[in-house]
């Protein structure tokens, strides 16, 4: 028998330790998912490519419209 289990505060401390451990483990899993989610990375890359091409197209339209006869 351990004296720590008879202490009134030991249950609170054990509960706190378990909750903290579970929170840390959940945070680690979420972080690992964010860092290695291939689909998310590919979709961001595709969105960036589309945005860059739309920006280039807009710039070309502005440049071509800049020389309108008045």
Protein backbone atom coordinates (compact mmCIF):
# COMPACT_ATOMS: atom_id res chain seq x y z
CA UNK A 1 0.00 0.00 0.00
CA UNK A 2 1.31 3.43 -0.93
CA UNK A 3 0.86 6.42 1.38
CA UNK A 4 0.31 8.72 -1.60
CA UNK A 5 -3.00 7.06 -2.40
CA UNK A 6 -4.28 7.91 1.08
CA UNK A 7 -3.50 11.60 0.72
CA UNK A 8 -6.61 13.70 -0.03
CA UNK A 9 -4.80 15.82 -2.62
CA UNK A 10 -3.36 12.89 -4.54
CA UNK A 11 -6.53 12.32 -6.54
CA UNK A 12 -6.60 15.95 -7.65
CA UNK A 13 -2.94 15.87 -8.60
CA UNK A 14 -3.32 12.59 -10.49
CA UNK A 15 -6.35 13.92 -12.35
CA UNK A 16 -4.46 17.08 -13.28
CA UNK A 17 -1.48 15.03 -14.50
CA UNK A 18 -3.68 12.77 -16.61
CA UNK A 19 -5.58 15.70 -18.15
CA UNK A 20 -2.33 17.53 -18.89
CA UNK A 21 -0.83 14.42 -20.48
CA UNK A 22 -3.90 13.88 -22.63
CA UNK A 23 -3.94 17.53 -23.68
CA UNK A 24 -0.27 17.36 -24.66
CA UNK A 25 -0.81 14.15 -26.59
CA UNK A 26 -3.78 15.68 -28.44
CA UNK A 27 -1.76 18.78 -29.25
CA UNK A 28 1.06 16.62 -30.60
CA UNK A 29 -1.32 14.64 -32.79
CA UNK A 30 -2.94 17.81 -34.16
CA UNK A 31 0.48 19.31 -34.88
CA UNK A 32 1.68 16.15 -36.62
CA UNK A 33 -1.49 16.09 -38.72
CA UNK A 34 -1.03 19.71 -39.77
CA UNK A 35 2.59 19.20 -40.68
CA UNK A 36 2.14 16.01 -42.70
CA UNK A 37 -1.29 16.39 -44.25
CA UNK A 38 -0.34 15.89 -47.89
CA UNK A 39 -3.78 16.76 -49.26
CA UNK A 40 -3.86 20.06 -47.40
CA UNK A 41 -0.37 20.96 -48.59
CA UNK A 42 -1.23 20.11 -52.19
CA UNK A 43 -4.48 22.11 -52.09
CA UNK A 44 -2.64 25.14 -50.71
CA UNK A 45 -0.02 24.80 -53.43
CA UNK A 46 -2.73 24.58 -56.09
CA UNK A 47 -4.56 27.60 -54.65
CA UNK A 48 -1.35 29.61 -54.67
CA UNK A 49 -0.71 28.65 -58.31
CA UNK A 50 -4.23 29.69 -59.32
CA UNK A 51 -3.88 32.98 -57.44
CA UNK A 52 -0.53 33.72 -59.10
CA UNK A 53 -1.92 33.05 -62.57
CA UNK A 54 -5.00 35.21 -61.86
CA UNK A 55 -2.72 38.01 -60.67
CA UNK A 56 -0.58 37.75 -63.79
CA UNK A 57 -3.71 37.84 -65.97
CA UNK A 58 -5.02 40.90 -64.13
CA UNK A 59 -1.68 42.67 -64.51
CA UNK A 60 -1.67 41.92 -68.24
CA UNK A 61 -5.17 43.37 -68.59
CA UNK A 62 -4.15 46.51 -66.70
CA UNK A 63 -1.05 46.94 -68.82
CA UNK A 64 -2.99 46.51 -72.05
CA UNK A 65 -5.70 48.92 -70.92
CA UNK A 66 -3.17 51.56 -69.89
CA UNK A 67 -2.64 52.77 -73.45
CA UNK A 68 -6.20 53.62 -74.45
CA UNK A 69 -6.61 56.53 -76.87
CA UNK A 70 -8.37 59.48 -75.27
